[in-house]
Amino acid sequence: MNYERINEALTRLHANMDSAECHGVLCGLLAVQDENTKSHWLAHCAPEVEAGDLLAQEAVDILQSVYSRVLEQMKSPDFVFHLLLPDDETVLSERVGAFAHWCQGFLMGLSLGGIVDTAKLPGELPEFVHDLLEFTHAGDFDTDDLQDEQSWLDLSEYVRMGVLLFYQEIRDLKEAVNPKTQH
């Protein structure tokens, strides 16, 4: 997944979000809903695709490949999931701003997925949601020194692992409510 390529696709679709936010919305939706969220996510990210618009269709195809890749990453037991953010060569302030957009997107995805009262989520998930809400303001921080780079790495890793925990906790909760019967 290439951050800039997805940004270009979203621009062609006249989406009001960047790659980070779009990815965050998808991750939030996938964290709380089943795997058939693709149409819901695409309708949110690309609400008005005109029939016959080949450039828009190409952009939708890019988003569909993002969906497949993210679903595969989140389901993987190997912790291969990563946040879609600008690469490490991008100045830290831009990465932090995109991170804030990603967190905003994830929270939107939870909402679109039907989460109304985050206090009722299991385990440490309510605290994680609260942290994400705080991180939506991350773009307001001054990011000038090398210590900020290490803090950035720690913060993005915390969120990455938190998303995987969120995904698994919701799956475990659904399994407890609707256990699969073995024959």
N, C-alpha and C. Protein backbone atom coordinates (compact mmCIF):
# COMPACT_ATOMS: atom_id res chain seq x y z
N MET A 1 0.85 -1.17 0.00
CA MET A 1 0.00 0.00 0.00
C MET A 1 0.89 1.24 0.00
N ASN A 2 0.62 2.11 -0.90
CA ASN A 2 1.41 3.32 -1.04
C ASN A 2 0.56 4.52 -0.65
N TYR A 3 1.03 5.24 0.36
CA TYR A 3 0.29 6.37 0.91
C TYR A 3 -0.07 7.40 -0.17
N GLU A 4 0.91 7.79 -0.98
CA GLU A 4 0.68 8.81 -2.00
C GLU A 4 -0.26 8.32 -3.09
N ARG A 5 -0.11 7.07 -3.49
CA ARG A 5 -0.99 6.51 -4.53
C ARG A 5 -2.44 6.50 -4.07
N ILE A 6 -2.65 6.17 -2.82
CA ILE A 6 -4.02 6.15 -2.27
C ILE A 6 -4.54 7.58 -2.14
N ASN A 7 -3.67 8.51 -1.76
CA ASN A 7 -4.08 9.92 -1.71
C ASN A 7 -4.56 10.38 -3.09
N GLU A 8 -3.81 10.01 -4.13
CA GLU A 8 -4.20 10.38 -5.50
C GLU A 8 -5.55 9.77 -5.87
N ALA A 9 -5.77 8.53 -5.48
CA ALA A 9 -7.05 7.88 -5.76
C ALA A 9 -8.19 8.60 -5.05
N LEU A 10 -7.97 8.98 -3.80
CA LEU A 10 -9.01 9.69 -3.05
C LEU A 10 -9.28 11.06 -3.66
N THR A 11 -8.25 11.72 -4.16
CA THR A 11 -8.43 13.00 -4.82
C THR A 11 -9.30 12.84 -6.07
N ARG A 12 -9.02 11.79 -6.86
CA ARG A 12 -9.83 11.53 -8.06
C ARG A 12 -11.29 11.26 -7.71
N LEU A 13 -11.51 10.72 -6.52
CA LEU A 13 -12.88 10.41 -6.08
C LEU A 13 -13.54 11.58 -5.35
N HIS A 14 -12.82 12.69 -5.25
CA HIS A 14 -13.31 13.89 -4.55
C HIS A 14 -13.66 13.57 -3.10
N ALA A 15 -12.89 12.68 -2.51
CA ALA A 15 -13.10 12.32 -1.11
C ALA A 15 -12.60 13.46 -0.22
N ASN A 16 -13.24 13.65 0.87
CA ASN A 16 -12.84 14.71 1.81
C ASN A 16 -11.97 14.14 2.92
N MET A 17 -11.00 13.30 2.53
CA MET A 17 -10.10 12.71 3.51
C MET A 17 -8.81 12.31 2.81
N ASP A 18 -7.77 12.11 3.62
CA ASP A 18 -6.50 11.65 3.08
C ASP A 18 -6.38 10.14 3.30
N SER A 19 -5.28 9.58 2.85
CA SER A 19 -5.04 8.14 2.96
C SER A 19 -5.10 7.66 4.40
N ALA A 20 -4.51 8.42 5.29
CA ALA A 20 -4.47 8.01 6.69
C ALA A 20 -5.88 7.90 7.27
N GLU A 21 -6.68 8.92 7.06
CA GLU A 21 -8.04 8.89 7.61
C GLU A 21 -8.86 7.78 6.97
N CYS A 22 -8.73 7.62 5.67
CA CYS A 22 -9.45 6.57 4.95
C CYS A 22 -9.09 5.19 5.50
N HIS A 23 -7.80 4.96 5.72
CA HIS A 23 -7.33 3.71 6.29
C HIS A 23 -7.84 3.53 7.71
N GLY A 24 -7.84 4.61 8.47
CA GLY A 24 -8.35 4.54 9.84
C GLY A 24 -9.82 4.17 9.87
N VAL A 25 -10.62 4.75 8.97
CA VAL A 25 -12.05 4.41 8.90
C VAL A 25 -12.20 2.92 8.62
N LEU A 26 -11.45 2.42 7.66
CA LEU A 26 -11.52 1.00 7.32
C LEU A 26 -11.15 0.13 8.52
N CYS A 27 -10.09 0.47 9.20
CA CYS A 27 -9.64 -0.33 10.34
C CYS A 27 -10.67 -0.30 11.47
N GLY A 28 -11.28 0.86 11.70
CA GLY A 28 -12.32 0.94 12.72
C GLY A 28 -13.53 0.09 12.37
N LEU A 29 -13.95 0.15 11.12
CA LEU A 29 -15.06 -0.69 10.67
C LEU A 29 -14.74 -2.17 10.80
N LEU A 30 -13.56 -2.56 10.33
CA LEU A 30 -13.18 -3.97 10.40
C LEU A 30 -13.01 -4.44 11.84
N ALA A 31 -12.62 -3.55 12.73
CA ALA A 31 -12.43 -3.93 14.12
C ALA A 31 -13.75 -4.33 14.79
N VAL A 32 -14.85 -3.74 14.35
CA VAL A 32 -16.11 -4.00 15.05
C VAL A 32 -17.15 -4.75 14.23
N GLN A 33 -16.95 -4.85 12.93
CA GLN A 33 -17.93 -5.54 12.10
C GLN A 33 -17.30 -6.75 11.43
N ASP A 34 -18.15 -7.49 10.78
CA ASP A 34 -17.67 -8.66 10.05
C ASP A 34 -16.98 -8.22 8.78
N GLU A 35 -16.55 -9.17 8.03
CA GLU A 35 -15.74 -8.90 6.85
C GLU A 35 -16.51 -8.26 5.70
N ASN A 36 -17.82 -8.19 5.75
CA ASN A 36 -18.57 -7.63 4.63
C ASN A 36 -18.82 -6.13 4.83
N THR A 37 -17.80 -5.41 5.17
CA THR A 37 -17.90 -3.97 5.37
C THR A 37 -17.41 -3.17 4.17
N LYS A 38 -16.95 -3.87 3.13
CA LYS A 38 -16.33 -3.16 2.01
C LYS A 38 -17.27 -2.13 1.39
N SER A 39 -18.50 -2.50 1.11
CA SER A 39 -19.42 -1.55 0.46
C SER A 39 -19.73 -0.37 1.38
N HIS A 40 -19.84 -0.63 2.67
CA HIS A 40 -20.10 0.44 3.65
C HIS A 40 -18.92 1.43 3.67
N TRP A 41 -17.71 0.88 3.68
CA TRP A 41 -16.51 1.71 3.69
C TRP A 41 -16.36 2.50 2.39
N LEU A 42 -16.55 1.82 1.27
CA LEU A 42 -16.43 2.52 -0.01
C LEU A 42 -17.47 3.62 -0.15
N ALA A 43 -18.68 3.36 0.33
CA ALA A 43 -19.73 4.39 0.26
C ALA A 43 -19.35 5.61 1.09
N HIS A 44 -18.63 5.39 2.17
CA HIS A 44 -18.21 6.51 3.02
C HIS A 44 -17.04 7.27 2.38
N CYS A 45 -16.09 6.53 1.80
CA CYS A 45 -14.88 7.15 1.25
C CYS A 45 -15.09 7.72 -0.16
N ALA A 46 -15.92 7.07 -0.93
CA ALA A 46 -16.14 7.46 -2.33
C ALA A 46 -17.64 7.44 -2.62
N PRO A 47 -18.38 8.38 -2.04
CA PRO A 47 -19.84 8.31 -2.12
C PRO A 47 -20.44 8.56 -3.50
N GLU A 48 -19.75 9.26 -4.37
CA GLU A 48 -20.35 9.61 -5.66
C GLU A 48 -19.43 9.25 -6.82
N VAL A 49 -19.50 8.00 -7.23
CA VAL A 49 -18.72 7.56 -8.38
C VAL A 49 -19.69 7.44 -9.55
N GLU A 50 -19.44 8.25 -10.57
CA GLU A 50 -20.32 8.25 -11.74
C GLU A 50 -20.03 7.05 -12.63
N ALA A 51 -21.08 6.44 -13.12
CA ALA A 51 -20.92 5.32 -14.05
C ALA A 51 -20.18 5.79 -15.29
N GLY A 52 -19.23 5.01 -15.74
CA GLY A 52 -18.48 5.36 -16.94
C GLY A 52 -17.24 6.20 -16.70
N ASP A 53 -17.03 6.66 -15.47
CA ASP A 53 -15.84 7.44 -15.15
C ASP A 53 -14.69 6.48 -14.89
N LEU A 54 -13.87 6.27 -15.90
CA LEU A 54 -12.81 5.26 -15.82
C LEU A 54 -11.74 5.61 -14.78
N LEU A 55 -11.42 6.89 -14.64
CA LEU A 55 -10.43 7.29 -13.63
C LEU A 55 -10.96 7.04 -12.22
N ALA A 56 -12.23 7.34 -12.02
CA ALA A 56 -12.84 7.08 -10.72
C ALA A 56 -12.89 5.58 -10.45
N GLN A 57 -13.22 4.79 -11.46
CA GLN A 57 -13.28 3.35 -11.28
C GLN A 57 -11.91 2.78 -10.95
N GLU A 58 -10.87 3.32 -11.61
CA GLU A 58 -9.51 2.89 -11.29
C GLU A 58 -9.19 3.22 -9.83
N ALA A 59 -9.63 4.38 -9.36
CA ALA A 59 -9.41 4.77 -7.97
C ALA A 59 -10.16 3.84 -7.02
N VAL A 60 -11.38 3.47 -7.38
CA VAL A 60 -12.15 2.54 -6.55
C VAL A 60 -11.44 1.18 -6.51
N ASP A 61 -10.89 0.76 -7.63
CA ASP A 61 -10.15 -0.50 -7.67
C ASP A 61 -8.96 -0.46 -6.70
N ILE A 62 -8.30 0.68 -6.63
CA ILE A 62 -7.19 0.84 -5.69
C ILE A 62 -7.70 0.69 -4.26
N LEU A 63 -8.82 1.33 -3.96
CA LEU A 63 -9.38 1.22 -2.61
C LEU A 63 -9.82 -0.22 -2.31
N GLN A 64 -10.35 -0.91 -3.30
CA GLN A 64 -10.75 -2.30 -3.08
C GLN A 64 -9.53 -3.17 -2.75
N SER A 65 -8.41 -2.89 -3.38
CA SER A 65 -7.20 -3.66 -3.06
C SER A 65 -6.71 -3.31 -1.65
N VAL A 66 -6.89 -2.05 -1.24
CA VAL A 66 -6.54 -1.65 0.12
C VAL A 66 -7.39 -2.45 1.10
N TYR A 67 -8.67 -2.54 0.83
CA TYR A 67 -9.58 -3.29 1.70
C TYR A 67 -9.09 -4.73 1.87
N SER A 68 -8.81 -5.38 0.77
CA SER A 68 -8.39 -6.78 0.83
C SER A 68 -7.10 -6.94 1.62
N ARG A 69 -6.18 -6.04 1.38
CA ARG A 69 -4.88 -6.12 2.08
C ARG A 69 -5.02 -5.87 3.57
N VAL A 70 -5.83 -4.88 3.95
CA VAL A 70 -5.99 -4.57 5.37
C VAL A 70 -6.72 -5.71 6.08
N LEU A 71 -7.73 -6.25 5.46
CA LEU A 71 -8.45 -7.38 6.06
C LEU A 71 -7.49 -8.55 6.29
N GLU A 72 -6.67 -8.83 5.31
CA GLU A 72 -5.69 -9.91 5.42
C GLU A 72 -4.71 -9.63 6.56
N GLN A 73 -4.24 -8.39 6.65
CA GLN A 73 -3.29 -8.02 7.71
C GLN A 73 -3.92 -8.15 9.09
N MET A 74 -5.14 -7.69 9.23
CA MET A 74 -5.77 -7.72 10.55
C MET A 74 -6.08 -9.15 11.00
N LYS A 75 -6.37 -10.02 10.06
CA LYS A 75 -6.68 -11.40 10.39
C LYS A 75 -5.42 -12.24 10.62
N SER A 76 -4.28 -11.76 10.19
CA SER A 76 -3.04 -12.53 10.28
C SER A 76 -2.60 -12.69 11.74
N PRO A 77 -2.21 -13.89 12.12
CA PRO A 77 -1.68 -14.09 13.47
C PRO A 77 -0.24 -13.61 13.62
N ASP A 78 0.35 -13.11 12.54
CA ASP A 78 1.75 -12.71 12.55
C ASP A 78 1.98 -11.22 12.83
N PHE A 79 0.95 -10.50 13.21
CA PHE A 79 1.07 -9.08 13.55
C PHE A 79 1.67 -8.25 12.42
N VAL A 80 1.26 -8.50 11.18
CA VAL A 80 1.80 -7.78 10.03
C VAL A 80 1.06 -6.47 9.75
N PHE A 81 0.00 -6.21 10.49
CA PHE A 81 -0.78 -4.99 10.30
C PHE A 81 0.07 -3.76 10.62
N HIS A 82 -0.07 -2.73 9.76
CA HIS A 82 0.59 -1.44 10.00
C HIS A 82 -0.37 -0.31 9.66
N LEU A 83 -0.20 0.80 10.35
CA LEU A 83 -0.98 1.99 10.04
C LEU A 83 -0.51 2.54 8.69
N LEU A 84 -1.42 3.03 7.89
CA LEU A 84 -1.05 3.64 6.62
C LEU A 84 -0.77 5.12 6.87
N LEU A 85 0.52 5.44 6.88
CA LEU A 85 0.98 6.79 7.17
C LEU A 85 2.10 7.14 6.19
N PRO A 86 2.44 8.42 6.08
CA PRO A 86 3.57 8.78 5.22
C PRO A 86 4.84 8.05 5.66
N ASP A 87 5.76 7.83 4.72
CA ASP A 87 6.98 7.08 5.04
C ASP A 87 7.90 7.86 5.96
N ASP A 88 8.91 7.18 6.46
CA ASP A 88 9.83 7.76 7.44
C ASP A 88 10.66 8.92 6.91
N GLU A 89 10.72 9.07 5.59
CA GLU A 89 11.46 10.18 4.99
C GLU A 89 10.67 11.50 5.08
N THR A 90 9.39 11.40 5.32
CA THR A 90 8.53 12.58 5.44
C THR A 90 8.82 13.26 6.77
N VAL A 91 8.79 14.59 6.78
CA VAL A 91 9.07 15.31 8.03
C VAL A 91 8.09 14.86 9.11
N LEU A 92 8.59 14.84 10.32
CA LEU A 92 7.83 14.31 11.45
C LEU A 92 6.50 15.03 11.64
N SER A 93 6.49 16.33 11.47
CA SER A 93 5.24 17.07 11.69
C SER A 93 4.14 16.60 10.74
N GLU A 94 4.48 16.26 9.50
CA GLU A 94 3.49 15.76 8.55
C GLU A 94 3.03 14.36 8.93
N ARG A 95 3.96 13.53 9.41
CA ARG A 95 3.58 12.18 9.84
C ARG A 95 2.65 12.25 11.04
N VAL A 96 2.94 13.16 11.96
CA VAL A 96 2.10 13.30 13.15
C VAL A 96 0.72 13.82 12.76
N GLY A 97 0.66 14.76 11.82
CA GLY A 97 -0.65 15.24 11.35
C GLY A 97 -1.45 14.12 10.70
N ALA A 98 -0.80 13.29 9.89
CA ALA A 98 -1.48 12.15 9.27
C ALA A 98 -1.93 11.15 10.34
N PHE A 99 -1.11 10.97 11.36
CA PHE A 99 -1.46 10.08 12.47
C PHE A 99 -2.73 10.57 13.17
N ALA A 100 -2.84 11.87 13.37
CA ALA A 100 -4.05 12.43 13.97
C ALA A 100 -5.26 12.14 13.08
N HIS A 101 -5.08 12.27 11.77
CA HIS A 101 -6.17 11.95 10.83
C HIS A 101 -6.51 10.46 10.90
N TRP A 102 -5.50 9.61 11.02
CA TRP A 102 -5.74 8.18 11.12
C TRP A 102 -6.60 7.87 12.34
N CYS A 103 -6.22 8.46 13.47
CA CYS A 103 -6.98 8.22 14.72
C CYS A 103 -8.42 8.71 14.56
N GLN A 104 -8.59 9.86 13.96
CA GLN A 104 -9.94 10.40 13.70
C GLN A 104 -10.72 9.42 12.82
N GLY A 105 -10.08 8.89 11.80
CA GLY A 105 -10.73 7.92 10.93
C GLY A 105 -11.12 6.66 11.66
N PHE A 106 -10.24 6.15 12.51
CA PHE A 106 -10.56 4.93 13.26
C PHE A 106 -11.80 5.15 14.12
N LEU A 107 -11.85 6.27 14.80
CA LEU A 107 -13.02 6.58 15.64
C LEU A 107 -14.28 6.69 14.78
N MET A 108 -14.17 7.28 13.59
CA MET A 108 -15.30 7.35 12.68
C MET A 108 -15.73 5.95 12.26
N GLY A 109 -14.76 5.09 11.98
CA GLY A 109 -15.06 3.71 11.61
C GLY A 109 -15.80 2.97 12.71
N LEU A 110 -15.40 3.19 13.95
CA LEU A 110 -16.12 2.58 15.07
C LEU A 110 -17.56 3.04 15.10
N SER A 111 -17.75 4.33 14.91
CA SER A 111 -19.09 4.90 14.89
C SER A 111 -19.91 4.33 13.73
N LEU A 112 -19.33 4.30 12.54
CA LEU A 112 -20.03 3.74 11.38
C LEU A 112 -20.34 2.26 11.59
N GLY A 113 -19.49 1.59 12.37
CA GLY A 113 -19.68 0.17 12.66
C GLY A 113 -20.68 -0.10 13.76
N GLY A 114 -21.26 0.96 14.33
CA GLY A 114 -22.33 0.77 15.31
C GLY A 114 -21.94 0.94 16.76
N ILE A 115 -20.70 1.32 17.04
CA ILE A 115 -20.30 1.54 18.43
C ILE A 115 -20.84 2.89 18.88
N VAL A 116 -21.71 2.84 19.87
CA VAL A 116 -22.34 4.07 20.37
C VAL A 116 -21.76 4.46 21.72
N ASP A 117 -21.61 3.50 22.61
CA ASP A 117 -21.13 3.77 23.95
C ASP A 117 -19.82 3.03 24.17
N THR A 118 -18.71 3.74 24.02
CA THR A 118 -17.41 3.08 24.12
C THR A 118 -17.12 2.61 25.55
N ALA A 119 -17.79 3.16 26.55
CA ALA A 119 -17.57 2.72 27.93
C ALA A 119 -18.02 1.27 28.12
N LYS A 120 -18.87 0.77 27.25
CA LYS A 120 -19.35 -0.61 27.36
C LYS A 120 -18.48 -1.62 26.63
N LEU A 121 -17.42 -1.15 26.01
CA LEU A 121 -16.50 -2.06 25.33
C LEU A 121 -15.74 -2.89 26.37
N PRO A 122 -15.29 -4.09 26.00
CA PRO A 122 -14.61 -4.95 26.97
C PRO A 122 -13.19 -4.51 27.29
N GLY A 123 -12.71 -4.95 28.44
CA GLY A 123 -11.31 -4.79 28.82
C GLY A 123 -10.80 -3.37 28.78
N GLU A 124 -9.65 -3.22 28.14
CA GLU A 124 -8.99 -1.92 28.08
C GLU A 124 -9.39 -1.10 26.86
N LEU A 125 -10.36 -1.57 26.11
CA LEU A 125 -10.76 -0.87 24.89
C LEU A 125 -11.30 0.53 25.14
N PRO A 126 -12.09 0.76 26.21
CA PRO A 126 -12.54 2.14 26.43
C PRO A 126 -11.37 3.11 26.63
N GLU A 127 -10.34 2.67 27.33
CA GLU A 127 -9.16 3.52 27.54
C GLU A 127 -8.43 3.75 26.22
N PHE A 128 -8.34 2.72 25.39
CA PHE A 128 -7.71 2.86 24.09
C PHE A 128 -8.45 3.87 23.23
N VAL A 129 -9.78 3.81 23.23
CA VAL A 129 -10.59 4.77 22.47
C VAL A 129 -10.34 6.18 22.99
N HIS A 130 -10.28 6.32 24.30
CA HIS A 130 -10.00 7.63 24.90
C HIS A 130 -8.63 8.14 24.44
N ASP A 131 -7.64 7.26 24.41
CA ASP A 131 -6.31 7.65 23.95
C ASP A 131 -6.36 8.11 22.49
N LEU A 132 -7.08 7.37 21.66
CA LEU A 132 -7.20 7.76 20.25
C LEU A 132 -7.83 9.14 20.11
N LEU A 133 -8.82 9.40 20.94
CA LEU A 133 -9.46 10.71 20.92
C LEU A 133 -8.44 11.80 21.25
N GLU A 134 -7.59 11.54 22.21
CA GLU A 134 -6.52 12.49 22.55
C GLU A 134 -5.54 12.65 21.39
N PHE A 135 -5.25 11.54 20.72
CA PHE A 135 -4.27 11.56 19.62
C PHE A 135 -4.78 12.33 18.40
N THR A 136 -6.09 12.54 18.31
CA THR A 136 -6.59 13.33 17.18
C THR A 136 -6.08 14.77 17.25
N HIS A 137 -5.55 15.15 18.40
CA HIS A 137 -4.97 16.48 18.58
C HIS A 137 -3.46 16.46 18.45
N ALA A 138 -2.90 15.33 18.05
CA ALA A 138 -1.44 15.18 17.98
C ALA A 138 -0.79 16.18 17.03
N GLY A 139 -1.49 16.60 16.00
CA GLY A 139 -0.94 17.55 15.05
C GLY A 139 -0.65 18.91 15.65
N ASP A 140 -1.17 19.16 16.86
CA ASP A 140 -0.97 20.44 17.52
C ASP A 140 0.37 20.50 18.28
N PHE A 141 1.06 19.38 18.41
CA PHE A 141 2.29 19.34 19.20
C PHE A 141 3.49 19.80 18.38
N ASP A 142 4.47 20.36 19.08
CA ASP A 142 5.72 20.78 18.46
C ASP A 142 6.60 19.55 18.29
N THR A 143 7.12 19.34 17.09
CA THR A 143 7.92 18.14 16.81
C THR A 143 9.24 18.57 16.19
N ASP A 144 10.24 18.83 17.04
CA ASP A 144 11.49 19.37 16.52
C ASP A 144 12.75 18.56 16.81
N ASP A 145 12.75 17.72 17.82
CA ASP A 145 14.02 17.10 18.16
C ASP A 145 14.01 15.59 17.99
N LEU A 146 15.16 14.97 18.18
CA LEU A 146 15.31 13.54 17.99
C LEU A 146 14.48 12.73 18.99
N GLN A 147 14.29 13.27 20.17
CA GLN A 147 13.48 12.58 21.17
C GLN A 147 12.05 12.42 20.64
N ASP A 148 11.58 13.41 19.88
CA ASP A 148 10.24 13.32 19.30
C ASP A 148 10.14 12.15 18.33
N GLU A 149 11.21 11.86 17.62
CA GLU A 149 11.21 10.74 16.68
C GLU A 149 10.99 9.42 17.43
N GLN A 150 11.66 9.25 18.55
CA GLN A 150 11.47 8.02 19.35
C GLN A 150 10.06 7.98 19.94
N SER A 151 9.58 9.11 20.41
CA SER A 151 8.21 9.17 20.93
C SER A 151 7.22 8.81 19.84
N TRP A 152 7.47 9.28 18.63
CA TRP A 152 6.62 8.97 17.49
C TRP A 152 6.57 7.46 17.24
N LEU A 153 7.73 6.83 17.25
CA LEU A 153 7.79 5.38 17.04
C LEU A 153 7.02 4.64 18.12
N ASP A 154 7.19 5.06 19.36
CA ASP A 154 6.47 4.42 20.47
C ASP A 154 4.96 4.61 20.34
N LEU A 155 4.55 5.80 19.99
CA LEU A 155 3.13 6.12 19.87
C LEU A 155 2.48 5.34 18.73
N SER A 156 3.12 5.31 17.59
CA SER A 156 2.53 4.59 16.46
C SER A 156 2.50 3.09 16.72
N GLU A 157 3.48 2.57 17.42
CA GLU A 157 3.48 1.14 17.77
C GLU A 157 2.37 0.84 18.79
N TYR A 158 2.16 1.73 19.74
CA TYR A 158 1.07 1.56 20.70
C TYR A 158 -0.27 1.47 19.98
N VAL A 159 -0.49 2.35 19.03
CA VAL A 159 -1.77 2.34 18.30
C VAL A 159 -1.87 1.10 17.42
N ARG A 160 -0.81 0.75 16.75
CA ARG A 160 -0.82 -0.45 15.91
C ARG A 160 -1.23 -1.68 16.71
N MET A 161 -0.60 -1.87 17.85
CA MET A 161 -0.91 -3.04 18.68
C MET A 161 -2.30 -2.90 19.30
N GLY A 162 -2.69 -1.68 19.63
CA GLY A 162 -4.03 -1.46 20.17
C GLY A 162 -5.12 -1.83 19.19
N VAL A 163 -4.90 -1.54 17.91
CA VAL A 163 -5.87 -1.90 16.88
C VAL A 163 -6.00 -3.41 16.78
N LEU A 164 -4.88 -4.10 16.81
CA LEU A 164 -4.92 -5.57 16.74
C LEU A 164 -5.62 -6.14 17.98
N LEU A 165 -5.35 -5.57 19.15
CA LEU A 165 -6.04 -6.00 20.37
C LEU A 165 -7.54 -5.74 20.25
N PHE A 166 -7.89 -4.57 19.74
CA PHE A 166 -9.30 -4.20 19.56
C PHE A 166 -9.99 -5.24 18.67
N TYR A 167 -9.38 -5.52 17.55
CA TYR A 167 -9.93 -6.48 16.60
C TYR A 167 -10.15 -7.84 17.27
N GLN A 168 -9.16 -8.31 18.02
CA GLN A 168 -9.27 -9.62 18.65
C GLN A 168 -10.28 -9.61 19.79
N GLU A 169 -10.29 -8.56 20.59
CA GLU A 169 -11.25 -8.48 21.72
C GLU A 169 -12.69 -8.53 21.21
N ILE A 170 -12.97 -7.81 20.15
CA ILE A 170 -14.33 -7.82 19.59
C ILE A 170 -14.65 -9.21 19.04
N ARG A 171 -13.69 -9.85 18.38
CA ARG A 171 -13.92 -11.22 17.88
C ARG A 171 -14.20 -12.17 19.03
N ASP A 172 -13.42 -12.05 20.13
CA ASP A 172 -13.63 -12.91 21.29
C ASP A 172 -15.00 -12.66 21.92
N LEU A 173 -15.40 -11.39 21.99
CA LEU A 173 -16.71 -11.06 22.54
C LEU A 173 -17.83 -11.65 21.69
N LYS A 174 -17.72 -11.51 20.38
CA LYS A 174 -18.73 -12.08 19.49
C LYS A 174 -18.78 -13.59 19.61
N GLU A 175 -17.63 -14.22 19.76
CA GLU A 175 -17.57 -15.67 19.90
C GLU A 175 -18.23 -16.11 21.22
N ALA A 176 -18.03 -15.33 22.27
CA ALA A 176 -18.64 -15.66 23.56
C ALA A 176 -20.15 -15.52 23.51
N VAL A 177 -20.63 -14.53 22.77
CA VAL A 177 -22.06 -14.31 22.65
C VAL A 177 -22.71 -15.33 21.72
N ASN A 178 -22.03 -15.65 20.63
CA ASN A 178 -22.54 -16.60 19.63
C ASN A 178 -21.52 -17.70 19.38
N PRO A 179 -21.33 -18.60 20.34
CA PRO A 179 -20.32 -19.64 20.14
C PRO A 179 -20.69 -20.56 18.97
N LYS A 180 -19.66 -20.92 18.24
CA LYS A 180 -19.87 -21.84 17.12
C LYS A 180 -20.06 -23.23 17.71
N THR A 181 -21.09 -23.87 17.28
CA THR A 181 -21.35 -25.23 17.77
C THR A 181 -20.54 -26.22 16.96
N GLN A 182 -19.94 -27.14 17.65
CA GLN A 182 -19.15 -28.16 16.98
C GLN A 182 -19.98 -29.43 16.89
N HIS A 183 -19.93 -30.07 15.77
CA HIS A 183 -20.69 -31.30 15.57
C HIS A 183 -19.76 -32.46 15.51
